[in-house]
Amino acid sequence: MTWSRRFRAREYLRGSLWLLPLVGAILGALFGLLGQLVDQSVDLPASWEYSPSTASTVLAAIVGATAALTGFVVTVTVLVVQMATGTFSARYMRLWYRHRMLKATLAVLIGTLTFSFSLLRRVEDNYVPNLGVTVAGALVVVSLLLFLLFFDRFTWRSRRRSMLRRPRSRFSTTLGKRFGRSGRPIWRSWHPTGSRESGRRS
């Protein structure tokens, strides 16, 4: 594989908004199957046991809540992107769909959905995945905390000052790496020849 193809593949993976959520969905389903095997071989305390109706209700509520929250995250992202591209430039869209917090939030939400749905299919009158139901509840708490962090980060980034500072920071980092300055802003250290001396003389 040539350098140009590797570069295009790397840029595609960095800019892909669906890849990390897809990995989260696959991992959620796999962990759901693994949780059932672990649940059958581990003795849990009585406080962690659920009745079949309770487990089905809890898992169904988790599936519905994560699906709704995923749709809300996508809606907020689309609105912020529209506002940014309408106010500034369409190039700002690249900063949003490459944001790691957005991808991580979608991956955890979709992973929780597939994990809970895989457990919901296994609930029967004589079998309840008690450990999996507890883990699904913990994942919902993690998803909510990650959503709050995502919402706070996107609210902060939607300000005009933050939007103007992000491209300048990326430009500075790129030029700094290009000239071996480890991301140090070049225009802070660069000045025309004789400008500092002329300023001192004047």
N, C-alpha and C. Protein backbone atom coordinates (compact mmCIF):
# COMPACT_ATOMS: atom_id res chain seq x y z
N MET A 1 0.85 -1.19 0.00
CA MET A 1 0.00 0.00 0.00
C MET A 1 0.89 1.25 0.00
N THR A 2 0.58 2.15 -0.90
CA THR A 2 1.38 3.36 -1.02
C THR A 2 1.06 4.33 0.12
N TRP A 3 1.90 5.37 0.24
CA TRP A 3 1.71 6.34 1.29
C TRP A 3 0.41 7.11 1.11
N SER A 4 0.08 7.43 -0.13
CA SER A 4 -1.15 8.20 -0.36
C SER A 4 -2.39 7.39 0.02
N ARG A 5 -2.38 6.10 -0.26
CA ARG A 5 -3.52 5.27 0.13
C ARG A 5 -3.61 5.12 1.63
N ARG A 6 -2.47 4.96 2.28
CA ARG A 6 -2.49 4.88 3.74
C ARG A 6 -2.99 6.18 4.35
N PHE A 7 -2.58 7.30 3.76
CA PHE A 7 -3.02 8.59 4.25
C PHE A 7 -4.53 8.76 4.07
N ARG A 8 -5.05 8.38 2.90
CA ARG A 8 -6.49 8.49 2.66
C ARG A 8 -7.28 7.57 3.58
N ALA A 9 -6.75 6.37 3.82
CA ALA A 9 -7.45 5.44 4.72
C ALA A 9 -7.45 5.98 6.15
N ARG A 10 -6.31 6.54 6.59
CA ARG A 10 -6.24 7.09 7.93
C ARG A 10 -7.17 8.28 8.09
N GLU A 11 -7.21 9.15 7.08
CA GLU A 11 -8.10 10.30 7.16
C GLU A 11 -9.56 9.87 7.11
N TYR A 12 -9.85 8.81 6.36
CA TYR A 12 -11.23 8.32 6.32
C TYR A 12 -11.65 7.76 7.66
N LEU A 13 -10.76 7.02 8.31
CA LEU A 13 -11.09 6.46 9.62
C LEU A 13 -11.24 7.57 10.67
N ARG A 14 -10.41 8.59 10.59
CA ARG A 14 -10.51 9.70 11.53
C ARG A 14 -11.79 10.49 11.32
N GLY A 15 -12.21 10.64 10.09
CA GLY A 15 -13.41 11.41 9.81
C GLY A 15 -14.68 10.60 9.78
N SER A 16 -14.60 9.28 9.91
CA SER A 16 -15.78 8.44 9.86
C SER A 16 -16.59 8.58 11.15
N LEU A 17 -17.86 8.90 11.02
CA LEU A 17 -18.72 9.05 12.19
C LEU A 17 -19.44 7.77 12.56
N TRP A 18 -19.44 6.78 11.68
CA TRP A 18 -20.20 5.56 11.93
C TRP A 18 -19.33 4.40 12.41
N LEU A 19 -18.01 4.48 12.24
CA LEU A 19 -17.16 3.33 12.52
C LEU A 19 -17.12 3.00 14.01
N LEU A 20 -16.83 3.99 14.85
CA LEU A 20 -16.73 3.72 16.29
C LEU A 20 -18.09 3.32 16.88
N PRO A 21 -19.22 3.94 16.52
CA PRO A 21 -20.50 3.43 17.00
C PRO A 21 -20.80 2.01 16.52
N LEU A 22 -20.36 1.66 15.32
CA LEU A 22 -20.55 0.28 14.86
C LEU A 22 -19.75 -0.69 15.71
N VAL A 23 -18.52 -0.32 16.05
CA VAL A 23 -17.72 -1.16 16.94
C VAL A 23 -18.39 -1.29 18.31
N GLY A 24 -18.96 -0.19 18.81
CA GLY A 24 -19.67 -0.26 20.08
C GLY A 24 -20.88 -1.17 20.03
N ALA A 25 -21.61 -1.15 18.91
CA ALA A 25 -22.77 -2.03 18.77
C ALA A 25 -22.35 -3.50 18.74
N ILE A 26 -21.28 -3.82 18.03
CA ILE A 26 -20.81 -5.20 17.97
C ILE A 26 -20.31 -5.66 19.33
N LEU A 27 -19.55 -4.81 20.00
CA LEU A 27 -19.04 -5.17 21.33
C LEU A 27 -20.18 -5.34 22.33
N GLY A 28 -21.21 -4.51 22.21
CA GLY A 28 -22.36 -4.65 23.11
C GLY A 28 -23.05 -5.99 22.95
N ALA A 29 -23.24 -6.41 21.71
CA ALA A 29 -23.87 -7.71 21.48
C ALA A 29 -22.98 -8.85 21.97
N LEU A 30 -21.67 -8.75 21.73
CA LEU A 30 -20.76 -9.80 22.18
C LEU A 30 -20.68 -9.87 23.70
N PHE A 31 -20.63 -8.72 24.36
CA PHE A 31 -20.61 -8.71 25.82
C PHE A 31 -21.93 -9.21 26.40
N GLY A 32 -23.02 -9.01 25.66
CA GLY A 32 -24.29 -9.57 26.10
C GLY A 32 -24.26 -11.09 26.14
N LEU A 33 -23.71 -11.70 25.11
CA LEU A 33 -23.56 -13.16 25.09
C LEU A 33 -22.59 -13.63 26.16
N LEU A 34 -21.49 -12.90 26.33
CA LEU A 34 -20.51 -13.27 27.35
C LEU A 34 -21.09 -13.12 28.75
N GLY A 35 -21.90 -12.08 28.95
CA GLY A 35 -22.52 -11.89 30.26
C GLY A 35 -23.46 -13.02 30.64
N GLN A 36 -24.13 -13.59 29.65
CA GLN A 36 -25.00 -14.72 29.94
C GLN A 36 -24.21 -15.94 30.40
N LEU A 37 -23.06 -16.17 29.79
CA LEU A 37 -22.22 -17.29 30.20
C LEU A 37 -21.66 -17.07 31.60
N VAL A 38 -21.25 -15.84 31.89
CA VAL A 38 -20.73 -15.54 33.22
C VAL A 38 -21.83 -15.63 34.27
N ASP A 39 -23.02 -15.18 33.91
CA ASP A 39 -24.13 -15.18 34.86
C ASP A 39 -24.51 -16.61 35.27
N GLN A 40 -24.38 -17.55 34.36
CA GLN A 40 -24.73 -18.94 34.67
C GLN A 40 -23.69 -19.61 35.55
N SER A 41 -22.49 -19.08 35.60
CA SER A 41 -21.42 -19.71 36.38
C SER A 41 -21.07 -18.95 37.66
N VAL A 42 -21.76 -17.86 37.96
CA VAL A 42 -21.48 -17.05 39.13
C VAL A 42 -22.71 -17.00 40.02
N ASP A 43 -22.50 -17.17 41.32
CA ASP A 43 -23.58 -17.06 42.30
C ASP A 43 -23.66 -15.63 42.80
N LEU A 44 -24.78 -15.00 42.54
CA LEU A 44 -24.98 -13.61 42.93
C LEU A 44 -25.77 -13.52 44.23
N PRO A 45 -25.60 -12.44 44.99
CA PRO A 45 -26.41 -12.27 46.20
C PRO A 45 -27.88 -12.07 45.87
N ALA A 46 -28.71 -12.26 46.86
CA ALA A 46 -30.16 -12.18 46.63
C ALA A 46 -30.60 -10.79 46.21
N SER A 47 -29.85 -9.77 46.64
CA SER A 47 -30.22 -8.39 46.28
C SER A 47 -30.02 -8.10 44.80
N TRP A 48 -29.28 -8.92 44.09
CA TRP A 48 -29.02 -8.72 42.68
C TRP A 48 -29.94 -9.56 41.79
N GLU A 49 -30.86 -10.27 42.37
CA GLU A 49 -31.74 -11.13 41.60
C GLU A 49 -33.01 -10.38 41.23
N TYR A 50 -33.51 -10.64 40.03
CA TYR A 50 -34.70 -9.99 39.50
C TYR A 50 -35.71 -11.04 39.09
N SER A 51 -36.96 -10.66 39.15
CA SER A 51 -38.00 -11.52 38.61
C SER A 51 -38.04 -11.34 37.09
N PRO A 52 -38.59 -12.30 36.36
CA PRO A 52 -38.62 -12.16 34.90
C PRO A 52 -39.36 -10.90 34.43
N SER A 53 -40.46 -10.56 35.08
CA SER A 53 -41.20 -9.37 34.66
C SER A 53 -40.42 -8.09 34.94
N THR A 54 -39.75 -8.04 36.11
CA THR A 54 -38.95 -6.86 36.43
C THR A 54 -37.77 -6.71 35.47
N ALA A 55 -37.09 -7.82 35.19
CA ALA A 55 -35.95 -7.76 34.28
C ALA A 55 -36.38 -7.32 32.88
N SER A 56 -37.52 -7.84 32.41
CA SER A 56 -38.00 -7.45 31.08
C SER A 56 -38.37 -5.98 31.04
N THR A 57 -39.00 -5.50 32.11
CA THR A 57 -39.39 -4.08 32.15
C THR A 57 -38.17 -3.17 32.18
N VAL A 58 -37.18 -3.54 33.00
CA VAL A 58 -35.97 -2.71 33.12
C VAL A 58 -35.20 -2.69 31.80
N LEU A 59 -35.01 -3.84 31.20
CA LEU A 59 -34.25 -3.90 29.95
C LEU A 59 -34.99 -3.19 28.81
N ALA A 60 -36.32 -3.34 28.76
CA ALA A 60 -37.08 -2.64 27.73
C ALA A 60 -37.00 -1.13 27.91
N ALA A 61 -37.04 -0.66 29.17
CA ALA A 61 -36.90 0.77 29.42
C ALA A 61 -35.51 1.27 29.04
N ILE A 62 -34.48 0.47 29.28
CA ILE A 62 -33.11 0.87 28.91
C ILE A 62 -32.97 0.95 27.39
N VAL A 63 -33.53 -0.02 26.68
CA VAL A 63 -33.46 0.01 25.22
C VAL A 63 -34.15 1.25 24.67
N GLY A 64 -35.35 1.54 25.18
CA GLY A 64 -36.06 2.73 24.70
C GLY A 64 -35.36 4.03 25.06
N ALA A 65 -34.80 4.09 26.28
CA ALA A 65 -34.13 5.32 26.70
C ALA A 65 -32.85 5.57 25.91
N THR A 66 -32.06 4.54 25.68
CA THR A 66 -30.82 4.73 24.92
C THR A 66 -31.11 5.06 23.46
N ALA A 67 -32.16 4.46 22.90
CA ALA A 67 -32.52 4.80 21.52
C ALA A 67 -32.96 6.27 21.41
N ALA A 68 -33.77 6.72 22.37
CA ALA A 68 -34.20 8.11 22.35
C ALA A 68 -33.04 9.07 22.59
N LEU A 69 -32.14 8.71 23.51
CA LEU A 69 -30.99 9.58 23.80
C LEU A 69 -30.03 9.64 22.62
N THR A 70 -29.88 8.52 21.91
CA THR A 70 -29.04 8.53 20.70
C THR A 70 -29.61 9.46 19.64
N GLY A 71 -30.92 9.40 19.45
CA GLY A 71 -31.56 10.33 18.51
C GLY A 71 -31.41 11.78 18.93
N PHE A 72 -31.47 12.04 20.24
CA PHE A 72 -31.30 13.41 20.72
C PHE A 72 -29.88 13.90 20.49
N VAL A 73 -28.89 13.04 20.71
CA VAL A 73 -27.50 13.43 20.47
C VAL A 73 -27.28 13.77 19.00
N VAL A 74 -27.83 12.94 18.11
CA VAL A 74 -27.69 13.20 16.68
C VAL A 74 -28.38 14.51 16.30
N THR A 75 -29.56 14.76 16.88
CA THR A 75 -30.29 16.00 16.59
C THR A 75 -29.51 17.22 17.04
N VAL A 76 -28.97 17.17 18.27
CA VAL A 76 -28.18 18.30 18.77
C VAL A 76 -26.96 18.53 17.90
N THR A 77 -26.32 17.45 17.47
CA THR A 77 -25.13 17.59 16.63
C THR A 77 -25.48 18.24 15.29
N VAL A 78 -26.58 17.82 14.69
CA VAL A 78 -26.99 18.39 13.40
C VAL A 78 -27.31 19.87 13.54
N LEU A 79 -27.99 20.25 14.62
CA LEU A 79 -28.32 21.66 14.83
C LEU A 79 -27.07 22.51 15.04
N VAL A 80 -26.14 22.00 15.82
CA VAL A 80 -24.91 22.75 16.06
C VAL A 80 -24.11 22.90 14.78
N VAL A 81 -24.04 21.83 13.99
CA VAL A 81 -23.30 21.90 12.73
C VAL A 81 -23.96 22.89 11.77
N GLN A 82 -25.29 22.88 11.70
CA GLN A 82 -25.98 23.83 10.84
C GLN A 82 -25.73 25.27 11.29
N MET A 83 -25.75 25.50 12.59
CA MET A 83 -25.50 26.85 13.08
C MET A 83 -24.08 27.29 12.77
N ALA A 84 -23.12 26.36 12.96
CA ALA A 84 -21.72 26.72 12.72
C ALA A 84 -21.44 26.97 11.25
N THR A 85 -21.96 26.10 10.38
CA THR A 85 -21.71 26.27 8.95
C THR A 85 -22.46 27.46 8.38
N GLY A 86 -23.62 27.78 8.95
CA GLY A 86 -24.36 28.94 8.47
C GLY A 86 -23.76 30.25 8.91
N THR A 87 -23.16 30.26 10.10
CA THR A 87 -22.57 31.49 10.62
C THR A 87 -21.16 31.70 10.11
N PHE A 88 -20.39 30.61 10.03
CA PHE A 88 -18.99 30.75 9.65
C PHE A 88 -18.74 30.12 8.29
N SER A 89 -18.18 28.94 8.25
CA SER A 89 -17.82 28.31 7.00
C SER A 89 -18.15 26.83 7.06
N ALA A 90 -18.35 26.22 5.89
CA ALA A 90 -18.64 24.79 5.85
C ALA A 90 -17.46 23.94 6.30
N ARG A 91 -16.27 24.51 6.35
CA ARG A 91 -15.11 23.76 6.81
C ARG A 91 -15.20 23.42 8.30
N TYR A 92 -16.03 24.17 9.04
CA TYR A 92 -16.17 23.87 10.46
C TYR A 92 -16.84 22.53 10.69
N MET A 93 -17.57 22.02 9.70
CA MET A 93 -18.20 20.72 9.85
C MET A 93 -17.17 19.63 10.10
N ARG A 94 -15.99 19.80 9.55
CA ARG A 94 -14.93 18.81 9.72
C ARG A 94 -14.49 18.72 11.18
N LEU A 95 -14.55 19.82 11.90
CA LEU A 95 -14.17 19.82 13.31
C LEU A 95 -15.19 19.09 14.16
N TRP A 96 -16.44 19.06 13.71
CA TRP A 96 -17.48 18.44 14.52
C TRP A 96 -17.53 16.93 14.32
N TYR A 97 -17.54 16.47 13.08
CA TYR A 97 -17.70 15.03 12.92
C TYR A 97 -16.41 14.27 13.21
N ARG A 98 -15.32 14.98 13.46
CA ARG A 98 -14.10 14.32 13.92
C ARG A 98 -13.94 14.34 15.43
N HIS A 99 -14.89 14.94 16.11
CA HIS A 99 -14.76 15.10 17.56
C HIS A 99 -14.87 13.74 18.25
N ARG A 100 -13.89 13.43 19.11
CA ARG A 100 -13.84 12.12 19.74
C ARG A 100 -14.94 11.93 20.76
N MET A 101 -15.33 13.01 21.44
CA MET A 101 -16.38 12.90 22.43
C MET A 101 -17.71 12.51 21.80
N LEU A 102 -18.01 13.04 20.63
CA LEU A 102 -19.22 12.68 19.92
C LEU A 102 -19.22 11.20 19.55
N LYS A 103 -18.11 10.73 19.02
CA LYS A 103 -18.02 9.32 18.63
C LYS A 103 -18.10 8.40 19.84
N ALA A 104 -17.43 8.77 20.93
CA ALA A 104 -17.47 7.94 22.14
C ALA A 104 -18.87 7.90 22.73
N THR A 105 -19.58 9.02 22.73
CA THR A 105 -20.94 9.05 23.26
C THR A 105 -21.86 8.15 22.45
N LEU A 106 -21.78 8.25 21.13
CA LEU A 106 -22.61 7.39 20.28
C LEU A 106 -22.26 5.92 20.44
N ALA A 107 -20.96 5.63 20.58
CA ALA A 107 -20.54 4.23 20.74
C ALA A 107 -21.06 3.63 22.04
N VAL A 108 -20.99 4.39 23.14
CA VAL A 108 -21.48 3.87 24.43
C VAL A 108 -22.99 3.71 24.40
N LEU A 109 -23.70 4.68 23.84
CA LEU A 109 -25.16 4.59 23.78
C LEU A 109 -25.62 3.40 22.94
N ILE A 110 -25.05 3.25 21.75
CA ILE A 110 -25.46 2.15 20.89
C ILE A 110 -25.00 0.81 21.47
N GLY A 111 -23.81 0.78 22.08
CA GLY A 111 -23.37 -0.44 22.74
C GLY A 111 -24.28 -0.85 23.89
N THR A 112 -24.73 0.12 24.68
CA THR A 112 -25.68 -0.17 25.75
C THR A 112 -27.00 -0.69 25.20
N LEU A 113 -27.43 -0.12 24.08
CA LEU A 113 -28.68 -0.57 23.45
C LEU A 113 -28.58 -2.02 23.00
N THR A 114 -27.54 -2.36 22.27
CA THR A 114 -27.40 -3.74 21.79
C THR A 114 -27.15 -4.72 22.93
N PHE A 115 -26.42 -4.29 23.96
CA PHE A 115 -26.19 -5.15 25.13
C PHE A 115 -27.51 -5.46 25.83
N SER A 116 -28.33 -4.44 26.06
CA SER A 116 -29.61 -4.64 26.74
C SER A 116 -30.57 -5.45 25.88
N PHE A 117 -30.56 -5.21 24.57
CA PHE A 117 -31.47 -5.95 23.69
C PHE A 117 -31.10 -7.43 23.61
N SER A 118 -29.79 -7.71 23.61
CA SER A 118 -29.37 -9.11 23.59
C SER A 118 -29.76 -9.84 24.88
N LEU A 119 -29.75 -9.12 26.01
CA LEU A 119 -30.20 -9.73 27.26
C LEU A 119 -31.72 -9.88 27.32
N LEU A 120 -32.42 -8.91 26.74
CA LEU A 120 -33.89 -8.95 26.75
C LEU A 120 -34.41 -10.18 26.01
N ARG A 121 -33.71 -10.60 24.98
CA ARG A 121 -34.13 -11.78 24.21
C ARG A 121 -33.97 -13.06 25.01
N ARG A 122 -33.13 -13.04 26.06
CA ARG A 122 -32.84 -14.25 26.82
C ARG A 122 -33.68 -14.39 28.09
N VAL A 123 -34.47 -13.39 28.40
CA VAL A 123 -35.27 -13.46 29.63
C VAL A 123 -36.41 -14.46 29.43
N GLU A 124 -36.49 -15.43 30.29
CA GLU A 124 -37.54 -16.45 30.25
C GLU A 124 -38.12 -16.63 31.64
N ASP A 125 -39.13 -17.48 31.73
CA ASP A 125 -39.75 -17.71 33.03
C ASP A 125 -38.82 -18.42 34.01
N ASN A 126 -37.93 -19.25 33.48
CA ASN A 126 -37.01 -20.01 34.34
C ASN A 126 -35.57 -19.50 34.29
N TYR A 127 -35.33 -18.38 33.62
CA TYR A 127 -33.96 -17.84 33.54
C TYR A 127 -34.02 -16.33 33.42
N VAL A 128 -33.21 -15.65 34.25
CA VAL A 128 -33.08 -14.20 34.21
C VAL A 128 -31.59 -13.86 34.29
N PRO A 129 -31.05 -13.11 33.34
CA PRO A 129 -29.63 -12.69 33.41
C PRO A 129 -29.44 -11.59 34.45
N ASN A 130 -29.35 -11.97 35.70
CA ASN A 130 -29.31 -10.98 36.79
C ASN A 130 -28.09 -10.07 36.71
N LEU A 131 -26.93 -10.67 36.45
CA LEU A 131 -25.72 -9.85 36.35
C LEU A 131 -25.79 -8.90 35.17
N GLY A 132 -26.32 -9.37 34.06
CA GLY A 132 -26.43 -8.52 32.88
C GLY A 132 -27.38 -7.35 33.09
N VAL A 133 -28.47 -7.57 33.82
CA VAL A 133 -29.41 -6.47 34.09
C VAL A 133 -28.74 -5.40 34.95
N THR A 134 -27.96 -5.82 35.93
CA THR A 134 -27.25 -4.85 36.78
C THR A 134 -26.20 -4.09 35.97
N VAL A 135 -25.47 -4.80 35.12
CA VAL A 135 -24.47 -4.13 34.28
C VAL A 135 -25.14 -3.16 33.31
N ALA A 136 -26.29 -3.54 32.78
CA ALA A 136 -27.01 -2.64 31.87
C ALA A 136 -27.43 -1.36 32.59
N GLY A 137 -27.86 -1.47 33.85
CA GLY A 137 -28.19 -0.28 34.61
C GLY A 137 -26.97 0.61 34.84
N ALA A 138 -25.82 -0.02 35.12
CA ALA A 138 -24.59 0.75 35.29
C ALA A 138 -24.19 1.44 33.98
N LEU A 139 -24.38 0.77 32.87
CA LEU A 139 -24.06 1.38 31.57
C LEU A 139 -24.96 2.57 31.27
N VAL A 140 -26.20 2.52 31.73
CA VAL A 140 -27.08 3.66 31.53
C VAL A 140 -26.56 4.87 32.30
N VAL A 141 -26.10 4.65 33.53
CA VAL A 141 -25.53 5.75 34.32
C VAL A 141 -24.30 6.32 33.63
N VAL A 142 -23.43 5.44 33.11
CA VAL A 142 -22.24 5.90 32.39
C VAL A 142 -22.63 6.68 31.13
N SER A 143 -23.67 6.20 30.44
CA SER A 143 -24.13 6.89 29.23
C SER A 143 -24.66 8.28 29.55
N LEU A 144 -25.40 8.41 30.65
CA LEU A 144 -25.92 9.72 31.03
C LEU A 144 -24.80 10.69 31.41
N LEU A 145 -23.83 10.19 32.16
CA LEU A 145 -22.70 11.06 32.51
C LEU A 145 -21.91 11.48 31.28
N LEU A 146 -21.71 10.55 30.36
CA LEU A 146 -21.00 10.88 29.13
C LEU A 146 -21.81 11.84 28.28
N PHE A 147 -23.14 11.71 28.29
CA PHE A 147 -23.98 12.64 27.55
C PHE A 147 -23.89 14.04 28.14
N LEU A 148 -23.90 14.16 29.46
CA LEU A 148 -23.76 15.47 30.08
C LEU A 148 -22.42 16.11 29.74
N LEU A 149 -21.36 15.31 29.75
CA LEU A 149 -20.05 15.83 29.36
C LEU A 149 -20.04 16.24 27.90
N PHE A 150 -20.66 15.43 27.05
CA PHE A 150 -20.77 15.77 25.63
C PHE A 150 -21.55 17.07 25.43
N PHE A 151 -22.67 17.21 26.14
CA PHE A 151 -23.49 18.41 25.98
C PHE A 151 -22.76 19.65 26.47
N ASP A 152 -22.04 19.52 27.58
CA ASP A 152 -21.25 20.65 28.08
C ASP A 152 -20.15 21.02 27.11
N ARG A 153 -19.47 20.02 26.55
CA ARG A 153 -18.39 20.29 25.60
C ARG A 153 -18.92 20.95 24.33
N PHE A 154 -20.06 20.48 23.83
CA PHE A 154 -20.60 21.06 22.61
C PHE A 154 -21.18 22.44 22.85
N THR A 155 -21.73 22.68 24.04
CA THR A 155 -22.21 24.03 24.35
C THR A 155 -21.05 25.02 24.39
N TRP A 156 -19.96 24.59 24.98
CA TRP A 156 -18.78 25.45 25.04
C TRP A 156 -18.19 25.69 23.66
N ARG A 157 -18.17 24.67 22.83
CA ARG A 157 -17.57 24.79 21.50
C ARG A 157 -18.44 25.56 20.54
N SER A 158 -19.72 25.72 20.85
CA SER A 158 -20.60 26.45 19.95
C SER A 158 -20.48 27.96 20.10
N ARG A 159 -19.71 28.43 21.07
CA ARG A 159 -19.50 29.86 21.20
C ARG A 159 -18.63 30.38 20.07
N ARG A 160 -18.82 31.64 19.74
CA ARG A 160 -18.11 32.24 18.61
C ARG A 160 -16.60 32.24 18.85
N ARG A 161 -16.19 32.56 20.07
CA ARG A 161 -14.76 32.63 20.36
C ARG A 161 -14.11 31.27 20.23
N SER A 162 -14.81 30.22 20.70
CA SER A 162 -14.26 28.87 20.62
C SER A 162 -14.17 28.40 19.17
N MET A 163 -15.17 28.72 18.36
CA MET A 163 -15.16 28.30 16.97
C MET A 163 -14.03 28.97 16.20
N LEU A 164 -13.73 30.21 16.55
CA LEU A 164 -12.64 30.90 15.87
C LEU A 164 -11.28 30.43 16.34
N ARG A 165 -11.20 29.94 17.57
CA ARG A 165 -9.92 29.53 18.11
C ARG A 165 -9.51 28.14 17.67
N ARG A 166 -10.48 27.26 17.40
CA ARG A 166 -10.16 25.89 17.03
C ARG A 166 -9.37 25.79 15.73
N PRO A 167 -9.79 26.43 14.62
CA PRO A 167 -8.97 26.35 13.40
C PRO A 167 -7.58 26.94 13.58
N ARG A 168 -7.47 28.04 14.33
CA ARG A 168 -6.15 28.64 14.55
C ARG A 168 -5.24 27.69 15.33
N SER A 169 -5.82 26.98 16.31
CA SER A 169 -5.02 26.04 17.09
C SER A 169 -4.54 24.88 16.22
N ARG A 170 -5.44 24.35 15.38
CA ARG A 170 -5.04 23.26 14.49
C ARG A 170 -4.00 23.71 13.48
N PHE A 171 -4.17 24.92 12.96
CA PHE A 171 -3.20 25.45 12.01
C PHE A 171 -1.84 25.63 12.67
N SER A 172 -1.83 26.12 13.90
CA SER A 172 -0.58 26.31 14.63
C SER A 172 0.09 24.97 14.91
N THR A 173 -0.70 23.98 15.33
CA THR A 173 -0.13 22.66 15.62
C THR A 173 0.47 22.03 14.37
N THR A 174 -0.24 22.14 13.24
CA THR A 174 0.25 21.55 12.00
C THR A 174 1.55 22.20 11.55
N LEU A 175 1.61 23.51 11.58
CA LEU A 175 2.84 24.19 11.18
C LEU A 175 3.96 23.94 12.17
N GLY A 176 3.62 23.85 13.45
CA GLY A 176 4.65 23.58 14.45
C GLY A 176 5.28 22.21 14.26
N LYS A 177 4.45 21.21 13.96
CA LYS A 177 5.00 19.88 13.70
C LYS A 177 5.80 19.85 12.40
N ARG A 178 5.34 20.64 11.44
CA ARG A 178 6.05 20.67 10.17
C ARG A 178 7.45 21.24 10.32
N PHE A 179 7.62 22.24 11.16
CA PHE A 179 8.91 22.88 11.34
C PHE A 179 9.60 22.48 12.64
N GLY A 180 9.12 21.41 13.26
CA GLY A 180 9.80 20.84 14.42
C GLY A 180 9.68 21.65 15.69
N ARG A 181 8.52 22.30 15.90
CA ARG A 181 8.35 23.12 17.09
C ARG A 181 7.32 22.54 18.03
N SER A 182 6.84 21.29 17.77
CA SER A 182 5.94 20.56 18.65
C SER A 182 4.67 21.34 18.94
N GLY A 183 4.11 21.94 17.89
CA GLY A 183 2.83 22.61 18.06
C GLY A 183 2.92 24.03 18.58
N ARG A 184 4.09 24.58 18.74
CA ARG A 184 4.21 25.95 19.25
C ARG A 184 3.78 26.93 18.17
N PRO A 185 2.91 27.88 18.50
CA PRO A 185 2.47 28.83 17.47
C PRO A 185 3.63 29.57 16.85
N ILE A 186 3.72 29.52 15.54
CA ILE A 186 4.87 30.08 14.84
C ILE A 186 4.82 31.60 14.83
N TRP A 187 3.58 32.17 14.70
CA TRP A 187 3.54 33.62 14.57
C TRP A 187 3.89 34.33 15.87
N ARG A 188 3.93 33.58 17.00
CA ARG A 188 4.34 34.22 18.25
C ARG A 188 5.86 34.37 18.33
N SER A 189 6.58 33.51 17.65
CA SER A 189 8.03 33.58 17.71
C SER A 189 8.64 34.16 16.44
N TRP A 190 7.86 34.19 15.36
CA TRP A 190 8.39 34.70 14.10
C TRP A 190 8.10 36.19 13.98
N HIS A 191 9.04 36.91 13.47
CA HIS A 191 8.84 38.33 13.20
C HIS A 191 9.74 38.69 12.05
N PRO A 192 9.39 39.69 11.27
CA PRO A 192 10.22 40.09 10.12
C PRO A 192 11.62 40.48 10.57
N THR A 193 12.56 40.32 9.67
CA THR A 193 13.95 40.63 9.98
C THR A 193 14.10 42.12 10.31
N GLY A 194 14.68 42.34 11.46
CA GLY A 194 14.93 43.71 11.88
C GLY A 194 13.77 44.40 12.55
N SER A 195 12.60 43.70 12.66
CA SER A 195 11.45 44.37 13.28
C SER A 195 11.64 44.57 14.76
N ARG A 196 12.25 43.57 15.44
CA ARG A 196 12.49 43.73 16.87
C ARG A 196 13.55 44.78 17.11
N GLU A 197 14.63 44.77 16.28
CA GLU A 197 15.65 45.77 16.49
C GLU A 197 15.15 47.17 16.20
N SER A 198 14.35 47.29 15.12
CA SER A 198 13.84 48.62 14.79
C SER A 198 12.89 49.12 15.87
N GLY A 199 12.14 48.15 16.47
CA GLY A 199 11.25 48.56 17.55
C GLY A 199 12.01 49.04 18.76
N ARG A 200 13.17 48.38 19.03
CA ARG A 200 13.97 48.81 20.16
C ARG A 200 14.59 50.18 19.91
N ARG A 201 15.06 50.40 18.64
CA ARG A 201 15.71 51.67 18.36
C ARG A 201 14.73 52.84 18.41
N SER A 202 13.50 52.56 17.97
CA SER A 202 12.52 53.62 18.00
C SER A 202 12.02 53.90 19.42
